[in-house]
Protein backbone atom coordinates (compact mmCIF):
# COMPACT_ATOMS: atom_id res chain seq x y z
CA UNK A 1 105.04 111.30 122.63
CA UNK A 2 101.95 112.75 123.79
CA UNK A 3 101.25 116.40 122.48
CA UNK A 4 99.95 118.77 124.81
CA UNK A 5 97.68 121.71 123.76
CA UNK A 6 98.38 124.21 126.74
CA UNK A 7 99.41 127.61 125.68
CA UNK A 8 97.69 127.14 122.29
CA UNK A 9 95.90 130.47 122.50
CA UNK A 10 98.97 132.29 123.37
CA UNK A 11 100.83 130.90 120.70
CA UNK A 12 98.09 131.48 117.85
CA UNK A 13 98.48 135.14 118.82
CA UNK A 14 102.24 135.18 118.00
CA UNK A 15 101.77 133.70 114.46
CA UNK A 16 101.00 136.97 112.95
CA UNK A 17 103.45 138.89 114.85
CA UNK A 18 107.08 138.86 113.80
CA UNK A 19 109.36 137.78 116.56
CA UNK A 20 112.77 138.53 115.16
CA UNK A 21 114.23 141.66 113.95
CA UNK A 22 116.73 139.84 111.70
CA UNK A 23 116.29 138.27 108.25
CA UNK A 24 115.25 134.70 108.60
CA UNK A 25 115.53 131.78 106.40
CA UNK A 26 113.99 128.50 106.39
CA UNK A 27 114.38 125.27 103.98
CA UNK A 28 111.11 122.83 103.93
CA UNK A 29 112.14 119.11 103.78
CA UNK A 30 109.40 116.35 103.28
CA UNK A 31 109.93 112.84 104.53
CA UNK A 32 108.42 109.54 103.54
CA UNK A 33 107.70 110.27 99.92
CA UNK A 34 105.67 109.35 97.60
CA UNK A 35 102.87 109.44 100.31
CA UNK A 36 102.41 108.10 103.86
CA UNK A 37 100.01 105.26 103.50
CA UNK A 38 100.16 104.98 99.92
CA UNK A 39 101.13 101.78 98.07
CA UNK A 40 97.50 100.49 97.36
CA UNK A 41 96.94 99.35 93.71
CA UNK A 42 93.20 100.13 93.74
CA UNK A 43 92.16 103.12 91.47
CA UNK A 44 90.36 104.79 94.21
CA UNK A 45 93.24 104.68 96.71
CA UNK A 46 95.62 105.81 93.84
CA UNK A 47 93.35 108.74 93.10
CA UNK A 48 93.28 109.98 96.57
CA UNK A 49 97.07 109.57 96.85
CA UNK A 50 97.40 111.36 93.77
CA UNK A 51 95.18 114.40 95.01
CA UNK A 52 96.71 114.80 98.17
CA UNK A 53 100.23 114.53 96.81
CA UNK A 54 99.40 117.22 94.28
CA UNK A 55 97.98 119.38 96.74
CA UNK A 56 101.33 119.52 98.40
CA UNK A 57 102.99 119.98 95.19
CA UNK A 58 100.67 122.88 94.16
CA UNK A 59 101.24 124.68 97.52
CA UNK A 60 104.96 124.68 96.72
CA UNK A 61 104.68 125.53 93.18
CA UNK A 62 102.08 128.44 93.86
CA UNK A 63 104.15 130.19 96.60
CA UNK A 64 107.36 129.40 94.76
CA UNK A 65 108.99 127.64 97.62
CA UNK A 66 111.88 125.21 97.13
CA UNK A 67 111.73 121.81 98.74
CA UNK A 68 113.73 118.63 99.15
CA UNK A 69 111.73 115.22 99.52
CA UNK A 70 113.16 112.15 100.90
CA UNK A 71 111.81 108.82 99.21
CA UNK A 72 111.54 105.32 100.93
CA UNK A 73 112.60 102.86 98.47
CA UNK A 74 110.04 100.08 99.19
CA UNK A 75 107.30 102.52 99.46
CA UNK A 76 106.86 103.41 95.75
CA UNK A 77 104.19 101.36 94.21
CA UNK A 78 104.52 100.83 90.35
CA UNK A 79 102.15 103.21 89.59
CA UNK A 80 103.36 105.79 91.86
CA UNK A 81 106.82 106.52 90.12
CA UNK A 82 105.03 109.62 88.01
CA UNK A 83 104.28 111.27 91.47
CA UNK A 84 108.07 111.41 92.12
CA UNK A 85 108.65 112.46 88.40
CA UNK A 86 106.18 115.28 88.80
CA UNK A 87 107.83 116.57 91.89
CA UNK A 88 111.26 116.47 90.45
CA UNK A 89 110.07 118.03 87.23
CA UNK A 90 108.71 120.88 89.16
CA UNK A 91 112.28 121.68 90.17
CA UNK A 92 112.33 119.96 93.62
CA UNK A 93 114.89 117.68 94.92
CA UNK A 94 114.72 114.11 95.74
CA UNK A 95 116.86 112.42 98.34
CA UNK A 96 117.46 108.84 99.91
CA UNK A 97 115.37 107.80 102.99
CA UNK A 98 116.63 104.27 102.83
CA UNK A 99 114.71 101.32 101.27
CA UNK A 100 112.86 99.92 104.44
CA UNK A 101 112.48 103.20 106.62
CA UNK A 102 113.90 101.23 109.63
CA UNK A 103 116.04 102.83 112.27
CA UNK A 104 119.78 102.41 112.67
CA UNK A 105 119.26 102.00 116.37
CA UNK A 106 117.84 98.56 115.51
CA UNK A 107 120.11 97.40 112.83
CA UNK A 108 123.68 96.73 112.31
CA UNK A 109 125.68 99.14 110.17
CA UNK A 110 126.32 96.36 107.60
CA UNK A 111 122.47 95.91 106.91
CA UNK A 112 121.54 99.51 107.48
CA UNK A 113 124.27 100.33 104.67
CA UNK A 114 122.82 97.65 102.53
CA UNK A 115 119.37 99.38 103.00
CA UNK A 116 120.72 102.72 101.85
CA UNK A 117 122.41 101.13 98.84
CA UNK A 118 119.44 99.19 97.56
CA UNK A 119 117.39 102.36 97.84
CA UNK A 120 120.20 104.25 96.02
CA UNK A 121 119.93 101.71 93.22
CA UNK A 122 115.90 101.59 93.10
CA UNK A 123 115.70 105.36 93.24
CA UNK A 124 118.42 106.33 90.92
CA UNK A 125 115.80 107.35 87.86
CA UNK A 126 114.34 109.92 90.00
CA UNK A 127 117.26 111.04 92.31
CA UNK A 128 118.63 114.63 91.88
CA UNK A 129 122.07 116.20 92.48
CA UNK A 130 123.65 116.85 94.88
CA UNK A 131 122.71 113.53 96.64
CA UNK A 132 120.84 113.98 99.86
CA UNK A 133 120.21 111.51 102.77
CA UNK A 134 118.13 111.69 105.68
CA UNK A 135 118.14 109.08 108.41
CA UNK A 136 114.72 107.68 109.46
CA UNK A 137 113.55 108.62 112.68
CA UNK A 138 116.71 111.08 112.81
CA UNK A 139 118.51 108.12 114.29
CA UNK A 140 122.19 108.47 113.40
CA UNK A 141 123.58 105.76 115.77
CA UNK A 142 126.62 106.05 118.01
CA UNK A 143 130.23 105.04 118.16
CA UNK A 144 131.69 102.76 115.48
CA UNK A 145 127.95 102.05 114.11
CA UNK A 146 127.72 105.83 113.36
CA UNK A 147 131.01 106.32 111.69
CA UNK A 148 130.50 103.35 109.55
CA UNK A 149 127.70 104.66 108.09
CA UNK A 150 128.94 108.00 107.99
CA UNK A 151 131.98 106.82 105.89
CA UNK A 152 129.82 104.95 103.50
CA UNK A 153 127.58 107.98 102.87
CA UNK A 154 130.75 110.21 102.44
CA UNK A 155 132.15 107.67 99.94
CA UNK A 156 129.04 107.74 97.80
CA UNK A 157 128.83 111.49 97.80
CA UNK A 158 125.77 111.77 100.08
CA UNK A 159 125.41 114.95 102.06
CA UNK A 160 123.28 114.43 105.31
CA UNK A 161 120.26 116.42 105.65
CA UNK A 162 119.86 117.56 109.46
CA UNK A 163 116.77 118.94 110.82
CA UNK A 164 116.46 122.14 113.02
CA UNK A 165 112.69 122.32 113.54
CA UNK A 166 110.77 118.95 113.72
CA UNK A 167 107.11 119.29 113.31
CA UNK A 168 106.16 116.16 114.93
CA UNK A 169 103.40 115.75 112.29
CA UNK A 170 102.99 112.11 112.42
CA UNK A 171 101.35 112.59 115.79
CA UNK A 172 98.88 115.19 114.53
CA UNK A 173 98.46 113.15 111.34
CA UNK A 174 97.57 110.07 113.33
CA UNK A 175 95.02 112.15 115.36
CA UNK A 176 93.41 113.42 112.37
CA UNK A 177 92.85 110.01 111.09
CA UNK A 178 91.18 109.08 114.18
CA UNK A 179 88.20 111.72 113.32
CA UNK A 180 85.66 109.85 111.27
CA UNK A 181 85.81 110.49 107.71
CA UNK A 182 82.72 112.64 107.16
CA UNK A 183 83.52 114.77 110.23
CA UNK A 184 87.06 115.80 109.10
CA UNK A 185 86.12 118.83 107.14
CA UNK A 186 84.38 120.52 110.09
CA UNK A 187 87.22 119.72 112.42
CA UNK A 188 89.78 120.74 110.07
CA UNK A 189 90.04 124.53 111.15
CA UNK A 190 90.60 123.84 114.74
CA UNK A 191 92.85 121.15 114.03
CA UNK A 192 94.96 123.21 111.82
CA UNK A 193 95.48 126.07 114.54
CA UNK A 194 96.75 123.55 116.91
CA UNK A 195 99.20 122.04 114.32
CA UNK A 196 100.43 125.26 113.15
CA UNK A 197 100.69 126.56 116.77
CA UNK A 198 102.80 123.45 117.55
CA UNK A 199 105.22 124.32 114.68
CA UNK A 200 105.56 127.77 115.71
CA UNK A 201 106.34 126.75 119.06
CA UNK A 202 109.00 124.49 117.96
CA UNK A 203 110.36 127.37 115.73
CA UNK A 204 110.81 129.56 118.72
CA UNK A 205 112.71 126.82 120.23
CA UNK A 206 114.88 126.26 117.32
CA UNK A 207 115.62 129.97 117.21
CA UNK A 208 116.64 130.24 120.81
CA UNK A 209 118.71 127.09 120.34
CA UNK A 210 120.56 128.77 117.66
CA UNK A 211 123.79 130.24 117.91
CA UNK A 212 125.21 133.10 115.51
CA UNK A 213 127.87 131.82 112.94
CA UNK A 214 130.18 134.53 111.29
CA UNK A 215 127.61 137.18 112.51
CA UNK A 216 124.71 135.65 110.41
CA UNK A 217 121.44 134.15 111.67
CA UNK A 218 121.31 130.31 111.57
CA UNK A 219 119.45 129.15 108.65
CA UNK A 220 116.42 126.78 109.81
CA UNK A 221 115.31 123.24 108.11
CA UNK A 222 111.75 122.21 108.66
CA UNK A 223 110.90 118.60 108.80
CA UNK A 224 107.41 117.70 107.57
CA UNK A 225 105.99 114.48 106.01
CA UNK A 226 104.16 113.94 102.83
CA UNK A 227 100.63 113.11 104.53
CA UNK A 228 97.17 113.78 104.43
CA UNK A 229 97.48 116.63 107.19
CA UNK A 230 99.97 118.49 105.28
CA UNK A 231 98.10 118.27 102.04
CA UNK A 232 95.70 120.43 103.95
CA UNK A 233 97.94 122.45 106.01
CA UNK A 234 101.16 123.25 103.75
CA UNK A 235 99.71 126.42 102.44
CA UNK A 236 99.10 127.62 105.89
CA UNK A 237 102.43 126.83 107.00
CA UNK A 238 104.11 128.93 104.33
CA UNK A 239 102.00 131.65 105.05
CA UNK A 240 102.70 131.68 108.61
CA UNK A 241 106.63 131.73 107.92
CA UNK A 242 106.21 134.27 105.61
CA UNK A 243 103.98 136.74 107.73
CA UNK A 244 106.83 136.21 110.44
CA UNK A 245 109.45 137.53 108.07
CA UNK A 246 110.73 134.17 106.79
CA UNK A 247 112.53 133.68 103.47
CA UNK A 248 112.19 130.20 101.79
CA UNK A 249 115.46 128.65 100.78
CA UNK A 250 116.84 125.57 99.31
CA UNK A 251 118.31 122.63 101.49
CA UNK A 252 121.73 123.52 99.72
CA UNK A 253 121.34 127.15 100.89
CA UNK A 254 120.41 126.03 104.36
CA UNK A 255 123.75 123.78 104.45
CA UNK A 256 126.09 126.57 103.26
CA UNK A 257 126.91 127.46 107.06
CA UNK A 258 127.24 125.04 109.93
CA UNK A 259 124.30 124.25 111.95
CA UNK A 260 124.46 124.51 115.65
CA UNK A 261 120.75 123.77 116.54
CA UNK A 262 120.02 120.63 114.82
CA UNK A 263 117.50 118.36 116.85
CA UNK A 264 118.25 115.02 118.27
CA UNK A 265 115.99 112.14 117.96
CA UNK A 266 113.70 111.74 120.61
CA UNK A 267 114.97 108.66 122.04
CA UNK A 268 116.65 105.38 121.21
CA UNK A 269 113.69 103.51 120.36
CA UNK A 270 111.77 103.61 117.03
CA UNK A 271 108.49 105.76 117.05
CA UNK A 272 105.59 104.26 116.03
CA UNK A 273 104.81 104.61 111.97
CA UNK A 274 101.29 105.35 111.05
CA UNK A 275 99.95 104.01 107.72
CA UNK A 276 96.64 105.14 106.53
CA UNK A 277 95.20 105.05 102.98
CA UNK A 278 91.55 106.39 103.74
């Protein structure tokens, strides 16, 4: 997907202006824990990962925002389990994001279920209740394949975590990594503006998609990732939503009513995954 910057100025002007008269609620969900591009065993790499991960945790804790993180089983290095324990011990939830983070579109239901089950076993020491599952790439499959996986999740007491606002932050994160390391700080303010403007655009689209259920506004669920960009921007994302009248709620609260505006995966192919550790 190629992101377009047209209309950024207009969108930025909307960030500080409440656009809806009703009370609005949103849950933050964070995919690909412990951290995108982590897994290196070198002390320097581990320290970078820790600092960036803790910046995300600090933004949530300081602003008293609940969150649910989804963990890739094979992505957790031996020296990174304490990051997940820290996240959980701060009162946040941890869910299953499969073991290998492969798309259901590219696997049989049997192999996909085995992948979920393997993650379930590996992540048992840090998983929280209720049990949440998120499909990698939001790919839920079709027909009998979809039903077979759904049946497995139901039998194992998993609640599927949908998404109503997709930040597409993996695209922005990849662009940010293309900026030379020593120039990132000077480019961050403008980059941050573009990223926030895009999230707000996605939010406006989600609100327009939403249908009223029992006369109440639809609760939104934001998808972001545990990545470098959000280690710099999560505080600003939280501030943007609060300025526009949003209250932050848990995923459990967001799922207390039916969702009519969840997003679909962009296509049937697996998007590129971006791995960085510098």
